[in-house]
Amino acid sequence: MALVSPTRTADPTANEPLLAYTLTTSPDPLKASPENPQAPEERGELHIVGSRHSGTPADVQWIRVKVPAGPMSPDLASDLAKVTPRISLSGWTARLDAAAKEFVFSPSAGHAPIGPDTGFTIQLSEIPVNRKVGTSPITITESSRTGSSAFQSRTVAFNVGKFPADFYLRNLICTPLVINNGGDVTLTWERSANATYELLYGDTNLDVTKDTTKRITNVKSDTTFYLRGTTGDASNPVVRILSAQVSVLKPDLEIGNLVVHGTTQLHGAAQLNGATSTKNLTVAGTANLTGATTTKDLTVNTANTLHVRTIEGSGSYGSLAIGGRLTLSTEGREVNVLSKFTVAGTTALNGATTTKNVTVDPGANGYLWLKTGRLDTAAGTNLNAFGTVGIFKNSSQTLHSNYIRHGFRETTYRANGDGFLTLALTCLYYTSNNGWRELNAYFTANATTAGVTRGISVPQVQFNGSRKASSQMSVPVAKGGTVKVSLDNTPISGGVGDGFFSVYWTPLGGGPNLALATAAEIAEHEEQNGSDRAEVPETFTSDAPVAPETEPSAR
């Protein structure tokens, strides 16, 4: 148990004393004299201990102790002339300045040094305590200086209570004195009935006026308990405060700023609400970092979880390396990447994913693989393919694949389901002149569907020894529609050329294949497209290929 009174107050407009002072009373607490004027007065003492805490001595001209005197509640003594003053410093004298109601203590010389080794005591004994309960201000003023500076008056005050004769508050005991984190303690005390009492700790203020014991549960950190008793007139009450403390093993800590220059290990739950700087932070339990946290290395054990509300970094800040799994466990959380986002391994998108642009590296290993599900485009959007489009659902059907040496060929197909018709052309035979392949034939192919004609061509002109000229195209055909395929190999005068063609049908959604159209279907198609020429279905004929020259010939 410790006593927390009399309380010290300081005037913010006054200079702080160069000496440190403490004040105690005897008895403790002081008792007000009986209200009956015929009864003898209570006697009390004030003990003031002064010292110099700095290593540099202070020069002191005098020390004055002001004691309020009179019959009122704020007055301490009824008559200062009955008080006996003393000071322990050799060569100093004590006297009463009755007009100022002050006791003056001064050295025989003009001033005297008081250093860190010069402690002293001022004693005011045989004080006749007046008959009113209340609090009295005791003011201590010194005239002091350091070095050769001018002397200044410096003041500090203490509040001393005068309690009723039957008041008592004592023996505040905390049991046990040391507990585990989250343990309980029991507080007991002795008190009189003529006062109100409060138990204060942390942010808690309990009214215990009717109690002499209190059990406090779930104590997680070192705690000081204060028991405050208040009595007397409400306009000038007297307060007595006792304190007791409990120590907690492995306590929870709540601090302002924490700067750690070494390794910090958190084996339990850690909540950092303010700015925290650490070199290495190892979390074996749960860590909640709700304020600005700067760390060089953050290690979370495999069996534990790091919950992060926001991750931000810019400029010269380091990178965030995750060796395990990064999970946004709450629906609606977002990951916003304003710079380059690189995934070196497999990425699984199991939910709805929205992005503005997705670019796949066009290198040899770059591709976008849709393993299951489907690829949808919204209304009004485009699906653009600047390279080859490969569709492998149920593979592709080869309709025709043959040679065509010269002339015009044409046929019409009916689509029993949606799909793509693909035409592929390759030139096989060339003549040459001094190592150059000349333009001897012009190989063309057209596909007409839904009134739109698309075409490709392969001119027979290339360098000697280069690859064969080829070209291909794909056209979409809707279910129930027809597509007319035309092939033409027109040699230039005096030249020859041989070509190879292939016609493929790739159904969409595993639907039916393409079939040759009937005469009636072709007639209906021609009529719908503004032609009165009906054509009998025709298959492509085969011309035997001309053997290519083994050596270039000159003409």
Protein backbone atom coordinates (compact mmCIF):
# COMPACT_ATOMS: atom_id res chain seq x y z
CA MET A 1 0.00 0.00 0.00
CA ALA A 2 1.22 3.52 -0.80
CA LEU A 3 -0.18 6.97 0.00
CA VAL A 4 -0.80 9.34 -2.89
CA SER A 5 -1.47 12.50 -0.89
CA PRO A 6 -0.87 15.33 -0.16
CA THR A 7 -1.03 16.21 -3.83
CA ARG A 8 1.43 18.56 -5.49
CA THR A 9 0.26 21.38 -7.75
CA ALA A 10 2.25 23.81 -9.87
CA ASP A 11 1.42 27.28 -11.10
CA PRO A 12 2.04 27.25 -14.87
CA THR A 13 2.79 30.98 -14.77
CA ALA A 14 5.52 30.53 -12.11
CA ASN A 15 9.07 29.32 -12.53
CA GLU A 16 9.68 25.71 -11.51
CA PRO A 17 11.86 25.53 -8.34
CA LEU A 18 15.47 24.51 -8.75
CA LEU A 19 15.08 22.33 -5.65
CA ALA A 20 12.76 19.30 -5.40
CA TYR A 21 10.32 19.17 -2.47
CA THR A 22 8.14 16.50 -0.87
CA LEU A 23 5.63 17.08 1.95
CA THR A 24 4.21 14.69 4.54
CA THR A 25 2.12 15.21 7.66
CA SER A 26 2.03 13.82 11.16
CA PRO A 27 -0.38 12.40 11.97
CA ASP A 28 -1.33 11.06 8.57
CA PRO A 29 -3.88 12.29 7.81
CA LEU A 30 -4.25 15.46 9.86
CA LYS A 31 -7.39 15.66 11.99
CA ALA A 32 -9.47 18.81 12.19
CA SER A 33 -9.95 20.08 15.76
CA PRO A 34 -13.35 19.38 17.36
CA GLU A 35 -16.09 21.82 16.44
CA ASN A 36 -16.78 22.46 20.14
CA PRO A 37 -14.72 25.58 20.94
CA GLN A 38 -14.29 24.39 24.50
CA ALA A 39 -12.47 21.25 23.38
CA PRO A 40 -8.69 21.43 23.03
CA GLU A 41 -7.26 21.81 19.51
CA GLU A 42 -5.62 18.99 17.61
CA ARG A 43 -1.90 19.39 16.95
CA GLY A 44 -0.07 18.44 13.79
CA GLU A 45 3.24 18.70 11.94
CA LEU A 46 4.38 19.40 8.38
CA HIS A 47 7.60 17.69 7.17
CA ILE A 48 9.18 19.17 4.02
CA VAL A 49 12.21 17.46 2.45
CA GLY A 50 14.25 19.48 -0.05
CA SER A 51 17.08 18.37 -2.39
CA ARG A 52 18.94 19.33 -5.54
CA HIS A 53 18.63 16.65 -8.27
CA SER A 54 20.95 18.30 -10.80
CA GLY A 55 24.71 17.96 -10.59
CA THR A 56 25.08 21.75 -10.68
CA PRO A 57 24.56 23.45 -7.27
CA ALA A 58 21.83 26.06 -6.90
CA ASP A 59 22.39 29.28 -4.92
CA VAL A 60 19.44 29.95 -2.58
CA GLN A 61 18.73 33.29 -0.85
CA TRP A 62 15.70 32.09 1.15
CA ILE A 63 12.85 29.56 1.30
CA ARG A 64 9.35 30.65 2.39
CA VAL A 65 6.54 28.30 3.49
CA LYS A 66 3.10 29.88 3.44
CA VAL A 67 0.54 28.28 5.81
CA PRO A 68 -3.07 29.54 5.60
CA ALA A 69 -4.29 30.53 9.08
CA GLY A 70 -7.75 31.43 10.36
CA PRO A 71 -11.12 29.84 11.20
CA MET A 72 -12.22 28.91 7.64
CA SER A 73 -12.15 25.56 5.83
CA PRO A 74 -9.15 26.40 3.57
CA ASP A 75 -7.12 27.50 6.62
CA LEU A 76 -4.82 24.97 8.22
CA ALA A 77 -3.74 26.62 11.48
CA SER A 78 -5.78 28.65 13.92
CA ASP A 79 -2.71 30.61 15.13
CA LEU A 80 0.71 30.61 13.43
CA ALA A 81 2.39 32.10 16.50
CA LYS A 82 2.03 28.73 18.23
CA VAL A 83 3.94 26.90 15.45
CA THR A 84 7.58 25.92 15.95
CA PRO A 85 9.67 26.14 12.73
CA ARG A 86 12.99 24.32 12.18
CA ILE A 87 15.45 23.72 9.29
CA SER A 88 18.27 21.15 9.25
CA LEU A 89 20.76 23.27 7.25
CA SER A 90 23.67 24.55 9.34
CA GLY A 91 23.91 28.36 9.53
CA TRP A 92 20.28 28.87 8.46
CA THR A 93 17.64 30.58 10.61
CA ALA A 94 13.85 30.35 10.77
CA ARG A 95 11.33 33.11 11.56
CA LEU A 96 7.62 33.92 11.13
CA ASP A 97 6.48 36.72 8.85
CA ALA A 98 3.07 37.18 10.50
CA ALA A 99 1.82 39.73 7.95
CA ALA A 100 2.51 37.37 5.03
CA LYS A 101 1.56 34.25 7.04
CA GLU A 102 4.87 32.72 5.95
CA PHE A 103 7.76 31.01 7.67
CA VAL A 104 11.04 32.32 6.26
CA PHE A 105 14.22 30.21 6.20
CA SER A 106 17.49 31.91 5.15
CA PRO A 107 21.27 31.44 5.45
CA SER A 108 23.43 33.75 7.52
CA ALA A 109 25.23 34.88 4.36
CA GLY A 110 23.42 36.52 1.47
CA HIS A 111 22.91 33.11 -0.20
CA ALA A 112 24.12 29.55 0.16
CA PRO A 113 24.77 26.76 -2.38
CA ILE A 114 22.70 23.58 -2.24
CA GLY A 115 24.11 20.74 -4.28
CA PRO A 116 23.07 17.13 -4.97
CA ASP A 117 24.69 16.00 -1.73
CA THR A 118 22.93 18.61 0.42
CA GLY A 119 19.54 17.31 1.41
CA PHE A 120 17.60 19.13 4.15
CA THR A 121 14.38 19.03 6.15
CA ILE A 122 11.98 21.80 7.16
CA GLN A 123 9.71 20.99 10.10
CA LEU A 124 6.67 22.97 11.24
CA SER A 125 5.53 21.40 14.51
CA GLU A 126 2.89 22.07 17.15
CA ILE A 127 0.51 23.42 14.50
CA PRO A 128 -2.91 24.11 16.09
CA VAL A 129 -5.23 22.65 13.43
CA ASN A 130 -8.41 24.72 13.06
CA ARG A 131 -11.89 23.29 13.57
CA LYS A 132 -13.09 23.13 9.91
CA VAL A 133 -12.76 20.06 7.70
CA GLY A 134 -11.28 20.92 4.32
CA THR A 135 -8.19 21.17 2.12
CA SER A 136 -5.47 23.76 2.72
CA PRO A 137 -2.87 24.89 0.15
CA ILE A 138 0.70 24.94 1.48
CA THR A 139 2.92 27.10 -0.76
CA ILE A 140 6.72 26.80 -0.92
CA THR A 141 8.65 29.62 -2.61
CA GLU A 142 12.40 29.80 -3.11
CA SER A 143 14.67 32.59 -4.35
CA SER A 144 17.35 30.81 -6.35
CA ARG A 145 19.73 30.88 -9.26
CA THR A 146 22.44 28.88 -11.02
CA GLY A 147 25.81 30.33 -11.96
CA SER A 148 25.89 34.13 -12.07
CA SER A 149 22.32 34.64 -13.25
CA ALA A 150 19.85 36.80 -11.35
CA PHE A 151 17.88 35.39 -8.44
CA GLN A 152 14.25 34.48 -9.22
CA SER A 153 11.28 33.48 -7.10
CA ARG A 154 10.09 29.93 -7.89
CA THR A 155 6.96 28.36 -6.39
CA VAL A 156 5.32 24.98 -5.81
CA ALA A 157 2.18 24.14 -3.77
CA PHE A 158 0.81 21.10 -1.90
CA ASN A 159 -2.81 20.40 -0.90
CA VAL A 160 -3.07 19.17 2.71
CA GLY A 161 -6.34 17.76 4.02
CA LYS A 162 -7.93 18.14 7.44
CA PHE A 163 -10.19 15.17 8.02
CA PRO A 164 -12.98 14.54 10.52
CA ALA A 165 -11.83 13.04 13.80
CA ASP A 166 -13.52 9.67 13.12
CA PHE A 167 -12.38 9.33 9.46
CA TYR A 168 -9.94 6.60 8.48
CA LEU A 169 -8.86 4.88 5.25
CA ARG A 170 -6.03 2.36 5.56
CA ASN A 171 -4.56 -1.05 4.78
CA LEU A 172 -5.29 -1.37 1.04
CA ILE A 173 -4.01 -4.88 0.21
CA CYS A 174 -3.85 -6.63 -3.20
CA THR A 175 -3.88 -10.45 -3.15
CA PRO A 176 -1.95 -12.00 -4.84
CA LEU A 177 0.75 -9.53 -5.85
CA VAL A 178 1.86 -11.53 -8.94
CA ILE A 179 -0.57 -13.30 -11.31
CA ASN A 180 -0.61 -14.93 -14.75
CA ASN A 181 -1.97 -13.02 -17.73
CA GLY A 182 -5.78 -12.99 -17.48
CA GLY A 183 -5.77 -13.87 -13.77
CA ASP A 184 -7.83 -12.38 -10.91
CA VAL A 185 -6.93 -10.33 -7.82
CA THR A 186 -8.80 -9.43 -4.64
CA LEU A 187 -8.50 -5.98 -3.05
CA THR A 188 -9.32 -5.39 0.62
CA TRP A 189 -9.18 -2.23 2.77
CA GLU A 190 -10.34 -0.61 5.99
CA ARG A 191 -12.41 2.59 5.99
CA SER A 192 -14.81 4.68 8.02
CA ALA A 193 -18.46 5.19 7.07
CA ASN A 194 -18.44 9.00 6.85
CA ALA A 195 -17.07 9.31 3.29
CA THR A 196 -17.57 8.19 -0.30
CA TYR A 197 -15.06 5.79 -1.88
CA GLU A 198 -13.99 5.03 -5.48
CA LEU A 199 -11.70 2.37 -6.90
CA LEU A 200 -9.81 3.54 -9.98
CA TYR A 201 -7.61 1.55 -12.40
CA GLY A 202 -6.98 2.01 -16.12
CA ASP A 203 -10.13 3.54 -17.60
CA THR A 204 -12.34 2.07 -14.85
CA ASN A 205 -13.95 4.01 -11.99
CA LEU A 206 -15.98 1.91 -9.54
CA ASP A 207 -18.13 3.21 -6.69
CA VAL A 208 -17.13 1.13 -3.64
CA THR A 209 -18.65 3.32 -0.90
CA LYS A 210 -20.42 0.32 0.61
CA ASP A 211 -17.57 -2.15 0.09
CA THR A 212 -14.41 -3.15 1.91
CA THR A 213 -13.34 -5.76 -0.69
CA LYS A 214 -13.45 -6.11 -4.50
CA ARG A 215 -12.51 -8.93 -6.87
CA ILE A 216 -11.04 -7.83 -10.23
CA THR A 217 -11.02 -10.45 -13.00
CA ASN A 218 -9.13 -10.92 -16.28
CA VAL A 219 -6.18 -8.68 -15.46
CA LYS A 220 -3.84 -8.73 -18.49
CA SER A 221 -1.16 -6.17 -17.62
CA ASP A 222 0.64 -4.63 -14.65
CA THR A 223 -2.01 -2.52 -12.91
CA THR A 224 -2.01 0.10 -10.17
CA PHE A 225 -5.26 0.34 -8.19
CA TYR A 226 -6.18 3.64 -6.49
CA LEU A 227 -8.67 3.83 -3.61
CA ARG A 228 -9.95 7.38 -3.18
CA GLY A 229 -11.92 8.53 -0.14
CA THR A 230 -13.71 11.91 -0.17
CA THR A 231 -15.37 13.69 2.75
CA GLY A 232 -16.11 17.19 4.08
CA ASP A 233 -17.98 20.11 2.55
CA ALA A 234 -18.62 19.80 -1.18
CA SER A 235 -17.24 23.31 -1.69
CA ASN A 236 -13.88 22.30 -0.15
CA PRO A 237 -13.70 18.51 0.26
CA VAL A 238 -10.76 16.54 1.57
CA VAL A 239 -9.43 13.57 -0.39
CA ARG A 240 -7.25 10.68 0.70
CA ILE A 241 -5.84 8.23 -1.85
CA LEU A 242 -4.21 4.85 -1.26
CA SER A 243 -2.63 2.69 -3.98
CA ALA A 244 -1.65 -0.95 -4.50
CA GLN A 245 -0.15 -2.74 -7.51
CA VAL A 246 -0.31 -6.18 -9.10
CA SER A 247 2.34 -7.56 -11.49
CA VAL A 248 1.32 -9.77 -14.43
CA LEU A 249 3.55 -12.44 -15.94
CA LYS A 250 3.87 -12.00 -19.75
CA PRO A 251 1.52 -9.01 -19.72
CA ASP A 252 -0.34 -7.41 -22.60
CA LEU A 253 1.30 -4.11 -23.50
CA GLU A 254 -0.24 -0.90 -24.80
CA ILE A 255 2.27 1.82 -25.62
CA GLY A 256 2.58 4.93 -27.76
CA ASN A 257 5.58 4.50 -30.06
CA LEU A 258 7.70 1.35 -30.19
CA VAL A 259 11.10 1.40 -31.91
CA VAL A 260 12.88 -1.96 -31.97
CA HIS A 261 16.46 -2.09 -33.28
CA GLY A 262 16.82 -5.84 -32.79
CA THR A 263 14.62 -8.90 -33.17
CA THR A 264 11.05 -8.88 -31.85
CA GLN A 265 9.15 -12.13 -31.28
CA LEU A 266 5.42 -12.12 -30.64
CA HIS A 267 4.20 -15.48 -29.31
CA GLY A 268 0.65 -14.33 -28.64
CA ALA A 269 -1.84 -11.94 -30.19
CA ALA A 270 -0.23 -8.58 -31.04
CA GLN A 271 -2.20 -5.48 -31.96
CA LEU A 272 -0.15 -2.49 -33.15
CA ASN A 273 -2.47 0.51 -33.55
CA GLY A 274 0.17 3.19 -34.01
CA ALA A 275 3.39 3.71 -35.92
CA THR A 276 5.75 0.77 -35.35
CA SER A 277 9.30 0.45 -36.62
CA THR A 278 11.20 -2.81 -36.26
CA LYS A 279 14.14 -4.50 -37.94
CA ASN A 280 12.91 -8.09 -37.66
CA LEU A 281 9.41 -9.07 -36.53
CA THR A 282 8.60 -12.74 -35.93
CA VAL A 283 4.96 -13.57 -35.25
CA ALA A 284 4.20 -16.95 -33.70
CA GLY A 285 0.62 -15.98 -32.85
CA THR A 286 -1.83 -13.55 -34.40
CA ALA A 287 -0.61 -10.05 -35.34
CA ASN A 288 -3.00 -7.18 -36.02
CA LEU A 289 -1.14 -4.19 -37.48
CA THR A 290 -3.76 -1.44 -37.75
CA GLY A 291 -1.35 1.49 -37.85
CA ALA A 292 1.64 2.44 -39.97
CA THR A 293 4.17 -0.38 -39.59
CA THR A 294 7.67 -0.39 -41.01
CA THR A 295 9.67 -3.59 -40.84
CA LYS A 296 12.68 -5.00 -42.64
CA ASP A 297 11.69 -8.65 -42.38
CA LEU A 298 8.27 -9.97 -41.35
CA THR A 299 8.09 -13.71 -40.72
CA VAL A 300 4.84 -15.51 -39.94
CA ASN A 301 5.14 -19.12 -38.85
CA THR A 302 3.52 -21.73 -41.09
CA ALA A 303 0.71 -22.54 -38.66
CA ASN A 304 -0.29 -18.88 -38.21
CA THR A 305 -1.99 -16.20 -40.26
CA LEU A 306 -1.10 -12.60 -41.05
CA HIS A 307 -4.27 -10.52 -41.49
CA VAL A 308 -3.61 -7.34 -43.48
CA ARG A 309 -6.22 -4.67 -44.20
CA THR A 310 -4.13 -2.64 -46.67
CA ILE A 311 -0.78 -3.18 -48.38
CA GLU A 312 0.76 -0.11 -49.95
CA GLY A 313 4.18 0.56 -51.41
CA SER A 314 5.77 3.00 -53.83
CA GLY A 315 9.03 4.66 -54.77
CA SER A 316 12.06 3.05 -53.19
CA TYR A 317 10.06 0.70 -50.95
CA GLY A 318 10.92 -2.99 -51.08
CA SER A 319 8.89 -5.85 -52.49
CA LEU A 320 6.37 -8.15 -50.83
CA ALA A 321 7.46 -11.77 -51.26
CA ILE A 322 4.92 -14.47 -50.39
CA GLY A 323 6.23 -18.02 -50.27
CA GLY A 324 2.86 -19.54 -49.43
CA ARG A 325 -0.71 -18.53 -50.19
CA LEU A 326 -2.23 -15.02 -50.34
CA THR A 327 -5.96 -15.22 -49.63
CA LEU A 328 -8.54 -12.42 -49.60
CA SER A 329 -11.01 -14.28 -47.42
CA THR A 330 -13.76 -11.66 -47.27
CA GLU A 331 -16.11 -11.23 -50.20
CA GLY A 332 -15.83 -7.85 -51.87
CA ARG A 333 -12.13 -7.29 -51.15
CA GLU A 334 -10.16 -5.93 -54.09
CA VAL A 335 -6.61 -6.20 -55.37
CA ASN A 336 -5.67 -3.13 -57.39
CA VAL A 337 -2.44 -3.37 -59.40
CA LEU A 338 -1.44 -0.05 -60.92
CA SER A 339 1.88 -1.30 -62.31
CA LYS A 340 3.14 -4.47 -63.96
CA PHE A 341 1.70 -7.70 -62.52
CA THR A 342 3.76 -10.80 -63.32
CA VAL A 343 2.74 -14.34 -62.46
CA ALA A 344 5.53 -16.86 -63.02
CA GLY A 345 3.49 -19.91 -62.03
CA THR A 346 -0.03 -21.23 -62.55
CA THR A 347 -2.86 -18.77 -61.86
CA ALA A 348 -6.37 -20.03 -61.05
CA LEU A 349 -9.29 -17.58 -61.32
CA ASN A 350 -12.19 -19.38 -59.64
CA GLY A 351 -14.54 -16.42 -59.38
CA ALA A 352 -15.76 -13.56 -61.54
CA THR A 353 -12.75 -11.73 -62.96
CA THR A 354 -12.91 -8.30 -64.59
CA THR A 355 -9.97 -6.76 -66.43
CA LYS A 356 -9.48 -4.08 -69.03
CA ASN A 357 -6.76 -5.78 -71.06
CA VAL A 358 -5.09 -9.17 -70.93
CA THR A 359 -1.88 -9.54 -72.94
CA VAL A 360 -0.31 -12.96 -73.44
CA ASP A 361 3.39 -12.97 -74.30
CA PRO A 362 3.52 -13.89 -78.02
CA GLY A 363 6.68 -15.95 -77.48
CA ALA A 364 6.87 -19.64 -78.16
CA ASN A 365 5.43 -20.53 -74.74
CA GLY A 366 2.73 -17.86 -74.54
CA TYR A 367 -0.88 -18.96 -74.78
CA LEU A 368 -4.23 -18.54 -73.04
CA TRP A 369 -5.63 -21.93 -72.01
CA LEU A 370 -9.37 -22.25 -71.24
CA LYS A 371 -9.44 -25.72 -69.70
CA THR A 372 -13.17 -25.88 -68.85
CA GLY A 373 -16.16 -23.58 -69.03
CA ARG A 374 -16.68 -21.18 -71.89
CA LEU A 375 -15.57 -17.87 -73.37
CA ASP A 376 -18.35 -15.26 -73.71
CA THR A 377 -18.31 -11.80 -75.29
CA ALA A 378 -20.93 -9.22 -74.35
CA ALA A 379 -23.29 -7.72 -76.89
CA GLY A 380 -21.65 -4.98 -78.94
CA THR A 381 -18.10 -6.24 -78.33
CA ASN A 382 -15.63 -7.68 -80.81
CA LEU A 383 -13.56 -10.84 -80.80
CA ASN A 384 -10.48 -10.00 -82.85
CA ALA A 385 -7.96 -12.64 -83.95
CA PHE A 386 -4.85 -11.25 -85.68
CA GLY A 387 -3.31 -14.69 -86.11
CA THR A 388 -4.51 -18.22 -86.74
CA VAL A 389 -7.73 -19.34 -85.03
CA GLY A 390 -7.72 -23.02 -84.16
CA ILE A 391 -10.95 -24.77 -83.15
CA PHE A 392 -10.54 -28.34 -81.94
CA LYS A 393 -14.04 -29.24 -80.73
CA ASN A 394 -14.77 -32.59 -82.49
CA SER A 395 -11.80 -31.75 -84.77
CA SER A 396 -12.34 -30.62 -88.40
CA GLN A 397 -13.89 -32.35 -91.42
CA THR A 398 -11.90 -32.40 -94.67
CA LEU A 399 -14.42 -31.85 -97.47
CA HIS A 400 -12.01 -31.87 -100.41
CA SER A 401 -8.27 -31.98 -100.90
CA ASN A 402 -6.95 -32.19 -104.44
CA TYR A 403 -4.82 -30.74 -107.25
CA ILE A 404 -5.99 -28.09 -109.71
CA ARG A 405 -3.75 -27.34 -112.67
CA HIS A 406 -5.91 -24.94 -114.65
CA GLY A 407 -9.42 -23.66 -115.07
CA PHE A 408 -12.35 -22.75 -112.87
CA ARG A 409 -14.09 -24.98 -110.31
CA GLU A 410 -17.14 -24.22 -108.17
CA THR A 411 -19.49 -26.01 -105.73
CA THR A 412 -22.11 -25.11 -103.12
CA TYR A 413 -22.58 -26.51 -99.59
CA ARG A 414 -25.42 -26.46 -97.11
CA ALA A 415 -24.66 -25.90 -93.37
CA ASN A 416 -26.58 -28.21 -91.06
CA GLY A 417 -25.09 -26.39 -88.10
CA ASP A 418 -22.98 -23.31 -87.29
CA GLY A 419 -19.31 -23.51 -88.16
CA PHE A 420 -16.29 -22.24 -90.10
CA LEU A 421 -15.36 -23.15 -93.68
CA THR A 422 -11.60 -22.97 -94.31
CA LEU A 423 -9.87 -22.76 -97.72
CA ALA A 424 -6.13 -23.47 -98.08
CA LEU A 425 -4.16 -22.90 -101.33
CA THR A 426 -0.58 -23.92 -102.20
CA CYS A 427 1.33 -23.40 -105.50
CA LEU A 428 3.51 -26.39 -106.45
CA TYR A 429 5.04 -25.79 -109.94
CA TYR A 430 7.26 -22.96 -111.15
CA THR A 431 9.42 -21.99 -114.07
CA SER A 432 12.57 -20.01 -113.51
CA ASN A 433 14.83 -17.54 -115.21
CA ASN A 434 18.35 -17.07 -113.85
CA GLY A 435 17.37 -18.23 -110.39
CA TRP A 436 14.08 -16.26 -110.18
CA ARG A 437 10.67 -17.81 -109.94
CA GLU A 438 8.41 -16.04 -112.38
CA LEU A 439 4.70 -15.28 -112.27
CA ASN A 440 3.26 -18.03 -114.43
CA ALA A 441 -0.18 -18.51 -112.88
CA TYR A 442 -2.52 -16.73 -110.50
CA PHE A 443 -4.24 -19.15 -108.08
CA THR A 444 -7.45 -17.70 -106.46
CA ALA A 445 -10.24 -18.96 -104.22
CA ASN A 446 -13.54 -17.32 -103.16
CA ALA A 447 -16.21 -18.23 -100.61
CA THR A 448 -19.66 -16.64 -100.80
CA THR A 449 -22.20 -16.89 -97.98
CA ALA A 450 -25.08 -14.64 -96.85
CA GLY A 451 -24.42 -12.40 -99.86
CA VAL A 452 -20.80 -11.67 -98.87
CA THR A 453 -17.79 -12.89 -100.86
CA ARG A 454 -14.34 -13.30 -99.35
CA GLY A 455 -11.24 -14.34 -101.33
CA ILE A 456 -7.57 -15.27 -101.19
CA SER A 457 -4.92 -15.63 -103.89
CA VAL A 458 -1.43 -17.08 -104.36
CA PRO A 459 0.79 -15.52 -107.07
CA GLN A 460 3.50 -17.84 -108.43
CA VAL A 461 6.54 -15.63 -108.00
CA GLN A 462 9.30 -16.39 -105.49
CA PHE A 463 13.05 -16.69 -105.06
CA ASN A 464 14.73 -19.86 -106.18
CA GLY A 465 14.84 -22.32 -103.26
CA SER A 466 12.31 -20.51 -101.12
CA ARG A 467 9.23 -22.12 -99.59
CA LYS A 468 6.11 -22.82 -101.63
CA ALA A 469 3.60 -19.97 -101.72
CA SER A 470 0.43 -20.66 -99.71
CA SER A 471 -2.55 -18.86 -98.21
CA GLN A 472 -5.72 -19.71 -96.33
CA MET A 473 -8.91 -18.13 -94.99
CA SER A 474 -11.87 -19.09 -92.79
CA VAL A 475 -15.44 -17.82 -93.16
CA PRO A 476 -18.30 -18.30 -90.66
CA VAL A 477 -21.43 -20.01 -91.96
CA ALA A 478 -24.72 -19.91 -90.05
CA LYS A 479 -26.89 -22.94 -89.55
CA GLY A 480 -29.26 -23.45 -92.54
CA GLY A 481 -27.20 -21.20 -94.80
CA THR A 482 -25.23 -22.10 -97.94
CA VAL A 483 -21.68 -21.33 -98.97
CA LYS A 484 -20.37 -21.35 -102.54
CA VAL A 485 -16.70 -22.18 -103.02
CA SER A 486 -14.93 -21.09 -106.25
CA LEU A 487 -11.39 -22.04 -107.32
CA ASP A 488 -9.52 -20.58 -110.32
CA ASN A 489 -6.00 -21.30 -111.58
CA THR A 490 -5.34 -19.01 -114.54
CA PRO A 491 -1.91 -19.41 -116.13
CA ILE A 492 -0.24 -16.40 -117.70
CA SER A 493 0.40 -16.63 -121.39
CA GLY A 494 3.25 -19.01 -121.97
CA GLY A 495 3.45 -20.06 -118.35
CA VAL A 496 2.36 -23.09 -116.43
CA GLY A 497 1.41 -23.62 -112.79
CA ASP A 498 0.09 -26.36 -110.61
CA GLY A 499 -1.83 -25.87 -107.35
CA PHE A 500 -3.12 -27.88 -104.42
CA PHE A 501 -6.27 -26.95 -102.53
CA SER A 502 -8.01 -28.15 -99.33
CA VAL A 503 -11.51 -27.37 -98.07
CA TYR A 504 -12.25 -27.95 -94.35
CA TRP A 505 -15.40 -27.64 -92.24
CA THR A 506 -15.10 -26.95 -88.48
CA PRO A 507 -18.42 -27.26 -86.64
CA LEU A 508 -19.13 -25.10 -83.58
CA GLY A 509 -20.51 -26.64 -80.40
CA GLY A 510 -20.11 -30.18 -81.72
CA GLY A 511 -22.87 -29.63 -84.26
CA PRO A 512 -23.47 -31.48 -87.60
CA ASN A 513 -21.11 -31.22 -90.56
CA LEU A 514 -21.42 -29.47 -93.89
CA ALA A 515 -23.10 -31.30 -96.80
CA LEU A 516 -23.36 -30.74 -100.55
CA ALA A 517 -26.40 -28.65 -101.42
CA THR A 518 -29.16 -30.04 -103.63
CA ALA A 519 -30.17 -28.43 -106.91
CA ALA A 520 -33.33 -27.04 -105.28
CA GLU A 521 -31.34 -25.49 -102.46
CA ILE A 522 -28.92 -23.89 -104.91
CA ALA A 523 -31.80 -22.50 -106.98
CA GLU A 524 -33.43 -21.08 -103.85
CA HIS A 525 -30.10 -19.59 -102.80
CA GLU A 526 -29.53 -17.97 -106.19
CA GLU A 527 -33.07 -16.57 -106.19
CA GLN A 528 -32.64 -15.04 -102.73
CA ASN A 529 -29.38 -13.43 -103.82
CA GLY A 530 -30.74 -11.91 -107.02
CA SER A 531 -29.50 -14.47 -109.58
CA ASP A 532 -31.65 -16.45 -111.99
CA ARG A 533 -28.86 -18.92 -112.81
CA ALA A 534 -29.41 -22.29 -111.19
CA GLU A 535 -26.37 -24.50 -110.92
CA VAL A 536 -26.16 -28.26 -110.55
CA PRO A 537 -23.97 -29.35 -107.63
CA GLU A 538 -20.47 -30.10 -108.84
CA THR A 539 -17.57 -31.75 -107.16
CA PHE A 540 -14.03 -30.70 -107.77
CA THR A 541 -12.21 -32.69 -110.45
CA SER A 542 -8.69 -33.93 -110.11
CA ASP A 543 -5.95 -33.03 -112.55
CA ALA A 544 -2.76 -35.04 -112.35
CA PRO A 545 0.02 -32.80 -111.10
CA VAL A 546 2.89 -31.86 -113.34
CA ALA A 547 6.20 -33.07 -111.97
CA PRO A 548 8.20 -30.13 -110.67
CA GLU A 549 11.48 -29.30 -112.33
CA THR A 550 14.51 -30.61 -110.53
CA GLU A 551 16.79 -27.91 -111.92
CA PRO A 552 15.95 -24.34 -112.91
CA SER A 553 15.57 -23.98 -116.68
CA ALA A 554 16.41 -20.94 -118.73
CA ARG A 555 14.12 -19.51 -121.31
